[in-house]
Amino acid sequence: MRAFRKWHRIIVFIFIVALVLSGCSQKNATTDTYKQTDETSGNTEKPKDGGNLIIGTSGSPTLFNPYYSEDTASSDIEGMIFNGLVTVDENLNPVGDLAKNWDISDDGLTYTFHLKDNVKWQDGQPFTADDVVFSYSIPMNKDYTGPRASDFEKIKEVKALDEHTVQVTLKQPFAPFLTSTAGYGILPKHLLQDVPIKELDKASFNTKQPIGTGPYKFVEWKDGQYVKLEANKDYYEGRPHIDTVTIKFIPDANAILTQFQAGDIDYMALQSTDLATGEQLVKQGKAKIKTTPSLSYTFIGYNQLNPLFKDKKVRQALTHALDREKIIQAVMNGDGKIANTPGSPLEKWAYNPDVPTFDYDVDKAKKLLAEAGWKDTDGDGILDKKGKKFSFVIKTNQGNKVREQIAQVVQQMWKEVGIEAKPKIQEWSSFIKDVTAPTWNFDACILGWALGVDPDPSDIFSSKEIAQGLNFVHYKNPELDKLMAENTKITDREQRGEMIKEIQAGIAEDQPYTFLYYDNDHIMYNPKLQNVQQHPSIAYYKIKDWWIKQ
């Protein structure tokens, strides 16, 4: 599942498009166009087992444990190893995964999950309700140090009614429960119960031998090189068709595309900057491409621990100074839409298109900066205030050509209003370590959020999420904090949607981020790879059903 860019409310950093390299040859491949349809429509050929698929990506993972990972490099792999109780279908509706069905009490406080009884852990041990109780207890523990506590703090009690029935009782109604908490991957109690919770984030399980219930089993991880998985022959939904999946780490995006062109790569997520090249390969009969709107957006985040960014007027000015439409056209070949809010247009019931906007206006940017006390007193072209220059470093990750180019473009645009921004491109793991808690070693950064199916913004913007969560820019708004805490208690969808729209408007006004654009997802692959399906929030969707045509 681009998994955690996964569908549920696990919200993670988008590191870069993933690229898949396969052991089957790409030469003499057939063509396709931009479609979301299954390419096997009309094809009655029976899927065949076998073959080796290599997934190449420019971002290296950090660990494989869904209660601690914060990046798609890790969670995309986790999505092939672990399962949750619930997943979502193509229309983002909750459907059973490890749970075959569930009951909800009239007051919305008690969820009773009836588990599938044919599930085994990848080491052969039976999966039971005790594993669910154990897993959900991790982020509820006082010693838990991961970023997922907020999704579990609403739980009053988790208990096993019998071997295949779990009952979860909430302290209060929690509207996103099925599409958030119930989607987290379940961990094996028999392997981890003796590990102290305060040490679980560093357990060897996370890097040496993660064991799940998913379609693929962990084989090995050579740091900086690859992760190898093999088909779980005892998978409860049936053996995956492809024998092995290897995720290969290639920091340079140009090198990956070159390998595709040479016929060595069979599946890749395509960046906007490479769409023209991809289209040529389609015309030449060497590729297929599919596109779907992504449940994600790209942004510039401002670290409010830095005094430069504490003033709302300054953050508004920074956005006014950027011609975002020009960025989309020049850098992305028009492949995107300006974002003004943390909400996604795909979540129409809770999306506010009428938030405050800060369109490109250099004069307005200069005026706001002057009102905030920033002037060029020494005539060097850089604004200053009380002896301090308006100069900072803007970081982003290596291998994402779009972000690297955006860093250069915004540097020039900000220069026009007297702001000096110095781009710094970092390897993914180092970059994420700098940006996130407890390091916060950055001034500004260019990143993307892969959003969960539920539109609750509190995981990213609530002040409760600063210390150990995802609010790494240290944004605080007490009034919005109250609304964010309240919105998940509202089970009436229309009423809740209106509150979320109000929150979105408040966040847009405060501009903790410059919201740049909404992304599209493009995948390009060798047509020998069959039954490839695309999902707005899940990577490698239904990979167990993919197969390689011999």
Protein backbone atom coordinates (compact mmCIF):
# COMPACT_ATOMS: atom_id res chain seq x y z
CA MET A 1 0.00 0.00 0.00
CA ARG A 2 1.58 3.26 -0.62
CA ALA A 3 0.14 1.93 2.04
CA PHE A 4 0.80 4.39 4.58
CA ARG A 5 0.74 7.01 2.40
CA LYS A 6 -1.62 4.53 3.26
CA TRP A 7 -5.32 5.00 3.15
CA HIS A 8 -6.08 5.40 6.78
CA ARG A 9 -5.26 8.37 8.92
CA ILE A 10 -1.64 7.43 9.13
CA ILE A 11 -0.21 10.58 7.63
CA VAL A 12 3.32 10.40 6.35
CA PHE A 13 5.92 12.33 4.45
CA ILE A 14 5.96 11.71 0.73
CA PHE A 15 9.61 11.11 -0.03
CA ILE A 16 9.64 10.79 -3.80
CA VAL A 17 8.06 8.73 -6.48
CA ALA A 18 8.79 5.04 -6.18
CA LEU A 19 10.19 3.14 -9.11
CA VAL A 20 9.80 -0.54 -9.70
CA LEU A 21 12.39 -2.58 -11.51
CA SER A 22 11.54 -6.07 -12.59
CA GLY A 23 13.52 -9.11 -13.56
CA CYS A 24 11.45 -9.48 -16.70
CA SER A 25 12.59 -7.68 -19.83
CA GLN A 26 10.89 -4.46 -20.87
CA LYS A 27 11.84 -4.62 -24.52
CA ASN A 28 9.09 -4.89 -27.14
CA ALA A 29 6.46 -3.87 -24.58
CA THR A 30 3.02 -2.80 -25.69
CA THR A 31 1.44 0.61 -25.16
CA ASP A 32 -1.33 2.03 -23.05
CA THR A 33 -2.78 5.45 -22.36
CA TYR A 34 -3.71 7.33 -19.21
CA LYS A 35 -6.37 5.11 -17.69
CA GLN A 36 -7.55 3.99 -14.30
CA THR A 37 -9.02 0.83 -15.75
CA ASP A 38 -7.58 -2.62 -15.20
CA GLU A 39 -5.43 -3.44 -18.20
CA THR A 40 -6.57 -7.03 -18.08
CA SER A 41 -10.10 -6.04 -19.10
CA GLY A 42 -10.96 -8.26 -22.01
CA ASN A 43 -7.90 -10.39 -21.35
CA THR A 44 -8.95 -13.89 -20.38
CA GLU A 45 -5.41 -15.18 -19.91
CA LYS A 46 -5.01 -16.91 -16.55
CA PRO A 47 -2.52 -15.27 -14.15
CA LYS A 48 0.74 -17.18 -13.80
CA ASP A 49 2.91 -17.59 -10.72
CA GLY A 50 6.59 -16.72 -10.81
CA GLY A 51 8.94 -13.91 -11.63
CA ASN A 52 10.90 -11.37 -9.64
CA LEU A 53 9.90 -7.76 -9.21
CA ILE A 54 12.39 -5.14 -8.05
CA ILE A 55 11.01 -1.90 -6.67
CA GLY A 56 13.50 0.92 -6.97
CA THR A 57 13.15 4.12 -4.99
CA SER A 58 15.26 7.16 -4.22
CA GLY A 59 14.32 7.11 -0.54
CA SER A 60 15.63 4.60 1.99
CA PRO A 61 13.37 3.31 4.77
CA THR A 62 14.02 3.89 8.44
CA LEU A 63 12.25 0.91 10.04
CA PHE A 64 9.31 -1.45 9.54
CA ASN A 65 6.80 -0.93 12.31
CA PRO A 66 3.56 0.96 11.54
CA TYR A 67 3.41 2.45 15.04
CA TYR A 68 6.73 4.24 14.61
CA SER A 69 7.39 4.88 10.91
CA GLU A 70 6.77 8.37 9.54
CA ASP A 71 7.78 8.14 5.87
CA THR A 72 6.51 6.45 2.75
CA ALA A 73 9.85 4.77 2.11
CA SER A 74 9.16 2.66 5.19
CA SER A 75 5.39 2.44 5.09
CA ASP A 76 5.15 1.38 1.44
CA ILE A 77 7.12 -1.72 2.39
CA GLU A 78 5.17 -2.20 5.63
CA GLY A 79 2.02 -2.31 3.54
CA MET A 80 3.19 -5.54 1.93
CA ILE A 81 4.20 -7.13 5.25
CA PHE A 82 1.41 -6.16 7.66
CA ASN A 83 -2.40 -6.00 7.65
CA GLY A 84 -4.86 -3.96 9.69
CA LEU A 85 -8.33 -4.94 10.82
CA VAL A 86 -9.82 -2.67 8.15
CA THR A 87 -8.72 -1.32 4.78
CA VAL A 88 -10.48 0.85 2.17
CA ASP A 89 -11.69 0.13 -1.32
CA GLU A 90 -11.20 2.20 -4.47
CA ASN A 91 -13.97 4.57 -3.34
CA LEU A 92 -12.30 5.08 0.06
CA ASN A 93 -14.99 3.12 1.91
CA PRO A 94 -13.93 0.89 4.83
CA VAL A 95 -13.88 -2.85 4.13
CA GLY A 96 -12.63 -5.79 6.16
CA ASP A 97 -8.99 -6.88 6.09
CA LEU A 98 -8.10 -9.05 9.09
CA ALA A 99 -11.65 -8.44 10.30
CA LYS A 100 -14.37 -10.12 8.26
CA ASN A 101 -17.00 -7.75 9.69
CA TRP A 102 -17.83 -5.62 12.73
CA ASP A 103 -20.69 -4.29 14.81
CA ILE A 104 -21.04 -0.76 16.20
CA SER A 105 -23.13 0.02 19.27
CA ASP A 106 -25.95 2.56 19.02
CA ASP A 107 -24.01 5.13 21.05
CA GLY A 108 -20.99 4.81 18.75
CA LEU A 109 -18.68 3.84 21.60
CA THR A 110 -18.22 0.10 21.15
CA TYR A 111 -16.81 -1.65 18.07
CA THR A 112 -16.86 -5.44 17.99
CA PHE A 113 -14.61 -6.94 15.33
CA HIS A 114 -15.09 -10.51 14.13
CA LEU A 115 -11.73 -11.74 12.88
CA LYS A 116 -11.01 -14.05 9.99
CA ASP A 117 -10.12 -17.48 11.34
CA ASN A 118 -7.75 -18.62 8.58
CA VAL A 119 -4.95 -16.09 9.21
CA LYS A 120 -1.44 -17.07 10.22
CA TRP A 121 1.63 -15.05 11.05
CA GLN A 122 4.42 -15.41 8.53
CA ASP A 123 6.28 -17.67 10.98
CA GLY A 124 3.34 -20.08 11.01
CA GLN A 125 1.81 -19.09 14.35
CA PRO A 126 -1.97 -18.43 14.42
CA PHE A 127 -3.24 -14.86 14.41
CA THR A 128 -5.70 -14.21 17.27
CA ALA A 129 -7.56 -11.48 19.06
CA ASP A 130 -4.71 -11.27 21.58
CA ASP A 131 -2.48 -9.86 18.85
CA VAL A 132 -4.92 -7.02 18.29
CA VAL A 133 -5.15 -6.24 22.01
CA PHE A 134 -1.36 -6.25 22.24
CA SER A 135 -0.87 -3.99 19.20
CA TYR A 136 -3.46 -1.40 20.19
CA SER A 137 -2.00 -1.28 23.69
CA ILE A 138 1.37 -0.07 22.38
CA PRO A 139 0.46 3.56 21.56
CA MET A 140 -1.78 3.66 24.66
CA ASN A 141 1.18 2.90 26.92
CA LYS A 142 2.74 5.73 28.94
CA ASP A 143 6.19 4.68 27.71
CA TYR A 144 5.26 4.90 24.03
CA THR A 145 7.53 7.30 22.12
CA GLY A 146 6.07 7.12 18.62
CA PRO A 147 3.90 9.61 16.69
CA ARG A 148 0.60 7.70 16.68
CA ALA A 149 -0.69 8.23 20.22
CA SER A 150 -3.45 10.63 19.17
CA ASP A 151 -5.26 7.96 17.15
CA PHE A 152 -5.43 5.70 20.20
CA GLU A 153 -6.02 8.15 23.03
CA LYS A 154 -9.78 7.89 22.46
CA ILE A 155 -9.76 4.19 23.38
CA LYS A 156 -10.98 3.30 26.86
CA GLU A 157 -10.50 -0.46 26.64
CA VAL A 158 -9.49 -3.18 24.19
CA LYS A 159 -10.31 -6.77 25.07
CA ALA A 160 -10.50 -10.18 23.44
CA LEU A 161 -13.96 -11.71 23.81
CA ASP A 162 -12.69 -14.97 22.37
CA GLU A 163 -9.95 -16.13 20.04
CA HIS A 164 -11.47 -14.40 17.01
CA THR A 165 -13.46 -11.51 18.49
CA VAL A 166 -12.11 -8.16 19.68
CA GLN A 167 -14.10 -5.44 21.40
CA VAL A 168 -12.87 -1.85 21.41
CA THR A 169 -14.62 0.63 23.71
CA LEU A 170 -14.04 4.34 23.21
CA LYS A 171 -14.07 7.10 25.81
CA GLN A 172 -16.11 9.24 23.47
CA PRO A 173 -17.38 8.98 19.90
CA PHE A 174 -14.50 9.11 17.42
CA ALA A 175 -15.75 9.60 13.88
CA PRO A 176 -12.55 8.51 12.05
CA PHE A 177 -12.13 5.30 14.04
CA LEU A 178 -12.67 2.80 11.22
CA THR A 179 -10.63 4.78 8.71
CA SER A 180 -7.87 5.57 11.15
CA THR A 181 -7.22 3.44 14.21
CA ALA A 182 -8.68 0.25 12.79
CA GLY A 183 -6.34 0.45 9.83
CA TYR A 184 -3.05 0.23 11.70
CA GLY A 185 -1.05 -2.92 11.02
CA ILE A 186 -1.27 -5.60 13.70
CA LEU A 187 1.95 -6.85 15.32
CA PRO A 188 2.68 -10.37 16.64
CA LYS A 189 2.32 -10.58 20.40
CA HIS A 190 4.29 -13.81 20.63
CA LEU A 191 7.40 -12.10 19.23
CA LEU A 192 7.21 -8.69 20.90
CA GLN A 193 5.45 -9.08 24.24
CA ASP A 194 8.75 -9.25 26.15
CA VAL A 195 10.14 -6.04 24.62
CA PRO A 196 9.64 -3.01 26.90
CA ILE A 197 7.48 -0.39 25.16
CA LYS A 198 10.09 2.32 25.74
CA GLU A 199 12.56 0.18 23.76
CA LEU A 200 10.19 -1.01 21.04
CA ASP A 201 11.16 1.71 18.58
CA LYS A 202 14.71 0.30 18.55
CA ALA A 203 13.78 -3.39 18.61
CA SER A 204 15.63 -5.61 16.13
CA PHE A 205 12.19 -6.76 14.92
CA ASN A 206 11.81 -3.41 13.14
CA THR A 207 14.91 -3.79 11.00
CA LYS A 208 16.11 -7.39 11.10
CA GLN A 209 13.05 -9.60 10.96
CA PRO A 210 9.62 -7.96 10.87
CA ILE A 211 6.89 -10.60 10.85
CA GLY A 212 3.39 -9.78 9.69
CA THR A 213 0.34 -11.39 8.15
CA GLY A 214 0.67 -9.72 4.74
CA PRO A 215 1.19 -11.08 1.23
CA TYR A 216 4.98 -10.70 1.32
CA LYS A 217 7.53 -11.87 3.88
CA PHE A 218 10.69 -10.00 4.85
CA VAL A 219 13.91 -11.66 3.69
CA GLU A 220 16.70 -9.14 4.23
CA TRP A 221 17.59 -5.45 4.36
CA LYS A 222 20.97 -4.18 3.23
CA ASP A 223 21.00 -0.56 4.35
CA GLY A 224 21.38 1.87 1.48
CA GLN A 225 21.04 -0.93 -1.08
CA TYR A 226 17.79 -2.89 -0.98
CA VAL A 227 15.06 -4.71 0.93
CA LYS A 228 14.03 -8.11 -0.35
CA LEU A 229 10.63 -9.74 0.21
CA GLU A 230 9.26 -13.11 -0.83
CA ALA A 231 5.73 -14.36 -1.44
CA ASN A 232 3.86 -15.55 1.63
CA LYS A 233 2.61 -18.91 0.40
CA ASP A 234 0.26 -19.18 3.37
CA TYR A 235 -1.31 -15.75 2.88
CA TYR A 236 -4.96 -15.94 3.91
CA GLU A 237 -6.19 -14.47 0.62
CA GLY A 238 -4.04 -16.83 -1.44
CA ARG A 239 -0.44 -16.93 -2.56
CA PRO A 240 0.77 -13.81 -4.41
CA HIS A 241 1.62 -14.52 -8.04
CA ILE A 242 5.05 -12.84 -8.07
CA ASP A 243 7.75 -14.81 -6.26
CA THR A 244 9.93 -12.01 -4.89
CA VAL A 245 9.82 -8.25 -4.56
CA THR A 246 13.07 -6.36 -4.07
CA ILE A 247 13.01 -2.68 -3.18
CA LYS A 248 16.22 -1.16 -4.49
CA PHE A 249 17.42 2.26 -3.32
CA ILE A 250 18.71 4.57 -6.05
CA PRO A 251 19.15 8.15 -4.79
CA ASP A 252 19.33 9.75 -8.23
CA ALA A 253 15.98 10.00 -10.02
CA ASN A 254 17.65 10.58 -13.39
CA ALA A 255 19.51 7.30 -13.05
CA ILE A 256 16.25 5.44 -12.41
CA LEU A 257 14.57 6.88 -15.48
CA THR A 258 17.66 6.05 -17.52
CA GLN A 259 17.39 2.45 -16.38
CA PHE A 260 13.75 2.39 -17.45
CA GLN A 261 14.69 3.71 -20.88
CA ALA A 262 17.40 1.05 -21.15
CA GLY A 263 14.84 -1.68 -20.50
CA ASP A 264 16.03 -2.57 -17.02
CA ILE A 265 13.08 -1.12 -15.07
CA ASP A 266 9.54 -2.32 -15.35
CA TYR A 267 7.43 -0.17 -13.03
CA MET A 268 7.97 3.33 -11.76
CA ALA A 269 6.05 6.22 -10.32
CA LEU A 270 6.67 9.04 -12.75
CA GLN A 271 7.52 12.58 -11.72
CA SER A 272 5.88 15.50 -13.48
CA THR A 273 9.22 16.56 -14.90
CA ASP A 274 9.50 13.22 -16.71
CA LEU A 275 5.99 12.99 -18.13
CA ALA A 276 7.05 14.04 -21.62
CA THR A 277 9.71 11.34 -21.67
CA GLY A 278 7.18 8.82 -20.42
CA GLU A 279 4.71 9.76 -23.13
CA GLN A 280 7.37 9.15 -25.77
CA LEU A 281 8.03 5.69 -24.35
CA VAL A 282 4.29 4.96 -24.54
CA LYS A 283 4.26 6.01 -28.20
CA GLN A 284 7.23 3.76 -28.86
CA GLY A 285 5.40 0.80 -27.34
CA LYS A 286 7.79 0.51 -24.41
CA ALA A 287 5.54 1.54 -21.54
CA LYS A 288 2.09 1.95 -20.09
CA ILE A 289 1.10 4.94 -17.98
CA LYS A 290 -1.76 5.41 -15.55
CA THR A 291 -2.69 8.57 -13.68
CA THR A 292 -4.95 9.27 -10.73
CA PRO A 293 -5.41 12.32 -8.49
CA SER A 294 -3.40 11.87 -5.33
CA LEU A 295 -4.61 12.29 -1.79
CA SER A 296 -1.63 14.52 -1.10
CA TYR A 297 -0.20 18.01 -1.35
CA THR A 298 3.24 19.63 -1.45
CA PHE A 299 4.13 22.54 0.81
CA ILE A 300 6.84 24.76 2.25
CA GLY A 301 6.91 24.46 6.04
CA TYR A 302 8.27 27.23 8.28
CA ASN A 303 9.85 26.30 11.60
CA GLN A 304 8.30 28.67 14.13
CA LEU A 305 11.10 27.96 16.59
CA ASN A 306 12.99 30.32 14.29
CA PRO A 307 12.04 33.93 15.16
CA LEU A 308 11.94 34.78 11.45
CA PHE A 309 8.68 32.88 11.04
CA LYS A 310 6.75 33.65 14.23
CA ASP A 311 4.82 36.58 12.74
CA LYS A 312 1.76 35.58 10.72
CA LYS A 313 2.24 38.58 8.44
CA VAL A 314 5.69 37.34 7.50
CA ARG A 315 4.38 33.89 6.61
CA GLN A 316 1.58 35.44 4.55
CA ALA A 317 4.15 37.63 2.79
CA LEU A 318 6.30 34.62 1.96
CA THR A 319 3.32 33.07 0.17
CA HIS A 320 2.36 36.31 -1.59
CA ALA A 321 5.90 36.49 -2.97
CA LEU A 322 5.61 33.15 -4.76
CA ASP A 323 4.02 32.73 -8.17
CA ARG A 324 2.72 29.22 -7.54
CA GLU A 325 1.00 28.92 -10.91
CA LYS A 326 4.29 29.72 -12.61
CA ILE A 327 5.98 27.05 -10.50
CA ILE A 328 3.38 24.49 -11.56
CA GLN A 329 3.72 25.40 -15.23
CA ALA A 330 7.50 25.80 -15.37
CA VAL A 331 8.63 23.03 -13.04
CA MET A 332 5.78 20.51 -13.34
CA ASN A 333 4.65 21.12 -16.92
CA GLY A 334 1.25 22.14 -15.59
CA ASP A 335 0.77 18.83 -13.78
CA GLY A 336 -0.80 20.12 -10.58
CA LYS A 337 -3.31 22.49 -9.04
CA ILE A 338 -2.65 25.33 -6.59
CA ALA A 339 -3.42 24.38 -3.00
CA ASN A 340 -4.60 26.93 -0.44
CA THR A 341 -5.63 24.61 2.35
CA PRO A 342 -4.61 21.35 4.04
CA GLY A 343 -7.87 19.79 2.87
CA SER A 344 -8.07 17.61 -0.23
CA PRO A 345 -10.59 18.19 -3.04
CA LEU A 346 -11.02 14.41 -3.12
CA GLU A 347 -12.69 14.63 0.30
CA LYS A 348 -15.47 16.85 -0.99
CA TRP A 349 -17.71 16.65 2.07
CA ALA A 350 -15.04 18.33 4.22
CA TYR A 351 -13.17 20.48 1.68
CA ASN A 352 -13.38 24.26 1.93
CA PRO A 353 -12.64 26.00 -1.40
CA ASP A 354 -13.31 29.43 0.11
CA VAL A 355 -10.44 29.77 2.57
CA PRO A 356 -8.33 32.96 2.77
CA THR A 357 -5.85 33.00 -0.11
CA PHE A 358 -2.53 34.74 -0.57
CA ASP A 359 -2.13 34.96 -4.30
CA TYR A 360 0.99 36.14 -6.06
CA ASP A 361 1.39 39.84 -5.25
CA VAL A 362 4.91 41.19 -4.78
CA ASP A 363 3.72 44.61 -3.62
CA LYS A 364 1.47 43.04 -0.99
CA ALA A 365 4.36 40.86 0.16
CA LYS A 366 6.62 43.89 0.57
CA LYS A 367 3.92 45.79 2.43
CA LEU A 368 3.33 42.96 4.92
CA LEU A 369 7.07 42.56 5.51
CA ALA A 370 7.40 46.30 6.16
CA GLU A 371 4.48 46.18 8.59
CA ALA A 372 6.31 43.39 10.39
CA GLY A 373 9.36 45.63 10.76
CA TRP A 374 11.56 44.25 7.98
CA LYS A 375 13.48 46.87 5.97
CA ASP A 376 16.68 46.98 3.97
CA THR A 377 18.58 49.48 6.12
CA ASP A 378 22.02 48.95 4.59
CA GLY A 379 21.06 48.72 0.92
CA ASP A 380 22.46 45.23 0.33
CA GLY A 381 19.18 43.93 -1.08
CA ILE A 382 18.40 41.78 1.98
CA LEU A 383 15.82 42.87 4.54
CA ASP A 384 16.94 43.24 8.12
CA LYS A 385 15.39 43.88 11.52
CA LYS A 386 17.21 44.80 14.69
CA GLY A 387 20.50 43.80 13.14
CA LYS A 388 19.32 40.41 11.87
CA LYS A 389 19.16 39.59 8.17
CA PHE A 390 16.14 37.87 6.70
CA SER A 391 18.24 34.93 5.57
CA PHE A 392 17.56 31.24 6.04
CA VAL A 393 18.21 27.75 4.68
CA ILE A 394 15.44 25.88 2.88
CA LYS A 395 15.91 22.11 2.88
CA THR A 396 14.45 19.36 0.75
CA ASN A 397 15.25 15.79 -0.19
CA GLN A 398 17.68 14.51 -2.76
CA GLY A 399 16.22 12.62 -5.70
CA ASN A 400 13.00 14.60 -6.04
CA LYS A 401 13.72 16.73 -9.07
CA VAL A 402 10.53 18.74 -8.69
CA ARG A 403 11.37 19.79 -5.15
CA GLU A 404 14.99 20.48 -6.02
CA GLN A 405 13.87 22.79 -8.83
CA ILE A 406 11.24 24.44 -6.65
CA ALA A 407 13.94 25.27 -4.10
CA GLN A 408 15.86 27.13 -6.81
CA VAL A 409 12.76 28.92 -8.13
CA VAL A 410 11.50 30.13 -4.74
CA GLN A 411 15.02 31.33 -3.93
CA GLN A 412 14.80 33.72 -6.89
CA MET A 413 11.21 34.77 -6.20
CA TRP A 414 11.92 35.59 -2.55
CA LYS A 415 15.02 37.53 -3.60
CA GLU A 416 12.67 39.96 -5.37
CA VAL A 417 11.19 40.98 -2.00
CA GLY A 418 14.52 41.13 -0.14
CA ILE A 419 14.61 37.63 1.36
CA GLU A 420 17.66 35.39 1.09
CA ALA A 421 16.85 31.67 0.94
CA LYS A 422 19.71 29.19 0.61
CA PRO A 423 18.66 25.75 -0.73
CA LYS A 424 20.18 22.64 0.84
CA ILE A 425 19.51 19.23 -0.70
CA GLN A 426 19.84 16.25 1.66
CA GLU A 427 19.66 12.48 1.50
CA TRP A 428 16.16 11.40 2.57
CA SER A 429 16.92 9.76 5.91
CA SER A 430 19.17 12.62 7.01
CA PHE A 431 16.59 15.16 5.88
CA ILE A 432 13.74 13.54 7.79
CA LYS A 433 15.88 13.25 10.92
CA ASP A 434 16.63 16.97 10.73
CA VAL A 435 13.01 17.97 10.19
CA THR A 436 11.20 15.81 12.72
CA ALA A 437 11.09 15.60 16.52
CA PRO A 438 13.17 15.88 18.54
CA THR A 439 15.80 17.43 16.22
CA TRP A 440 13.90 20.20 14.39
CA ASN A 441 17.15 21.24 12.72
CA PHE A 442 15.74 23.33 9.89
CA ASP A 443 14.52 26.81 9.02
CA ALA A 444 12.17 25.97 6.18
CA CYS A 445 11.60 22.83 4.13
CA ILE A 446 9.83 21.59 1.03
CA LEU A 447 7.88 18.42 1.72
CA GLY A 448 4.64 16.65 0.89
CA TRP A 449 1.93 15.09 3.01
CA ALA A 450 0.25 11.89 1.97
CA LEU A 451 -3.10 12.23 3.66
CA GLY A 452 -5.31 9.65 5.23
CA VAL A 453 -8.85 8.97 4.11
CA ASP A 454 -10.30 10.90 7.04
CA PRO A 455 -9.86 14.69 6.69
CA ASP A 456 -9.16 15.39 10.38
CA PRO A 457 -6.22 17.86 10.36
CA SER A 458 -5.23 17.49 14.00
CA ASP A 459 -2.42 14.97 13.45
CA ILE A 460 -0.46 17.66 11.62
CA PHE A 461 -1.66 20.97 13.06
CA SER A 462 -2.75 20.40 16.66
CA SER A 463 -0.27 21.78 19.20
CA LYS A 464 -0.55 18.41 20.98
CA GLU A 465 1.38 16.95 18.08
CA ILE A 466 4.48 19.13 18.51
CA ALA A 467 6.50 17.20 21.08
CA GLN A 468 6.35 13.75 19.52
CA GLY A 469 3.94 14.03 16.63
CA LEU A 470 3.82 15.46 13.12
CA ASN A 471 3.47 19.17 13.91
CA PHE A 472 7.17 19.72 13.29
CA VAL A 473 6.74 23.40 12.39
CA HIS A 474 5.55 24.15 15.97
CA TYR A 475 2.28 25.71 14.86
CA LYS A 476 -0.06 26.80 17.66
CA ASN A 477 -3.56 28.23 17.52
CA PRO A 478 -5.55 27.67 20.75
CA GLU A 479 -8.94 28.29 19.15
CA LEU A 480 -8.27 25.86 16.34
CA ASP A 481 -6.88 23.36 18.85
CA LYS A 482 -10.31 23.31 20.49
CA LEU A 483 -12.08 22.75 17.18
CA MET A 484 -9.62 20.02 16.17
CA ALA A 485 -10.23 18.23 19.46
CA GLU A 486 -13.99 18.55 18.99
CA ASN A 487 -14.37 17.56 15.34
CA THR A 488 -13.71 13.86 15.79
CA LYS A 489 -16.45 13.59 18.42
CA ILE A 490 -19.09 14.58 15.88
CA THR A 491 -20.65 11.58 14.18
CA ASP A 492 -23.01 13.62 11.98
CA ARG A 493 -21.00 13.89 8.76
CA GLU A 494 -22.48 17.16 7.52
CA GLN A 495 -22.00 18.91 10.85
CA ARG A 496 -18.47 17.59 11.18
CA GLY A 497 -17.66 18.65 7.63
CA GLU A 498 -18.62 22.25 8.42
CA MET A 499 -16.33 22.29 11.44
CA ILE A 500 -13.42 20.91 9.44
CA LYS A 501 -13.99 23.61 6.83
CA GLU A 502 -13.77 26.23 9.58
CA ILE A 503 -10.48 24.70 10.77
CA GLN A 504 -9.12 24.74 7.23
CA ALA A 505 -9.96 28.43 6.91
CA GLY A 506 -8.16 29.23 10.16
CA ILE A 507 -5.05 27.29 9.16
CA ALA A 508 -5.03 28.98 5.75
CA GLU A 509 -5.20 32.39 7.45
CA ASP A 510 -2.25 31.55 9.71
CA GLN A 511 -0.10 30.13 6.87
CA PRO A 512 2.08 27.76 8.92
CA TYR A 513 2.84 26.38 5.47
CA THR A 514 2.86 27.86 2.04
CA PHE A 515 0.52 25.33 0.45
CA LEU A 516 1.99 24.84 -3.01
CA TYR A 517 -0.03 22.35 -5.03
CA TYR A 518 -2.07 19.16 -5.13
CA ASP A 519 -0.27 16.26 -6.80
CA ASN A 520 -1.25 13.74 -9.42
CA ASP A 521 0.09 10.21 -9.22
CA HIS A 522 1.56 8.73 -12.39
CA ILE A 523 2.79 5.18 -12.73
CA MET A 524 4.71 3.86 -15.73
CA TYR A 525 5.41 0.18 -16.17
CA ASN A 526 6.34 -2.66 -18.46
CA PRO A 527 3.18 -4.18 -19.95
CA LYS A 528 4.57 -7.61 -19.09
CA LEU A 529 3.55 -6.69 -15.56
CA GLN A 530 -0.15 -7.58 -15.51
CA ASN A 531 -3.17 -6.58 -13.43
CA VAL A 532 -1.50 -3.47 -12.05
CA GLN A 533 -4.05 -1.37 -10.21
CA GLN A 534 -3.86 2.20 -8.94
CA HIS A 535 -5.41 3.77 -5.86
CA PRO A 536 -5.39 7.42 -4.69
CA SER A 537 -3.97 6.47 -1.32
CA ILE A 538 -2.55 2.94 -1.43
CA ALA A 539 0.74 2.06 -3.10
CA TYR A 540 1.16 -1.24 -4.92
CA TYR A 541 -2.58 -1.71 -4.59
CA LYS A 542 -3.58 -5.39 -4.50
CA ILE A 543 -0.02 -6.40 -5.36
CA LYS A 544 -0.88 -10.00 -4.52
CA ASP A 545 -2.91 -10.07 -7.75
CA TRP A 546 -0.15 -8.66 -9.97
CA TRP A 547 1.64 -11.13 -12.23
CA ILE A 548 4.36 -11.17 -14.84
CA LYS A 549 3.56 -12.35 -18.35
CA GLN A 550 6.26 -14.75 -19.47
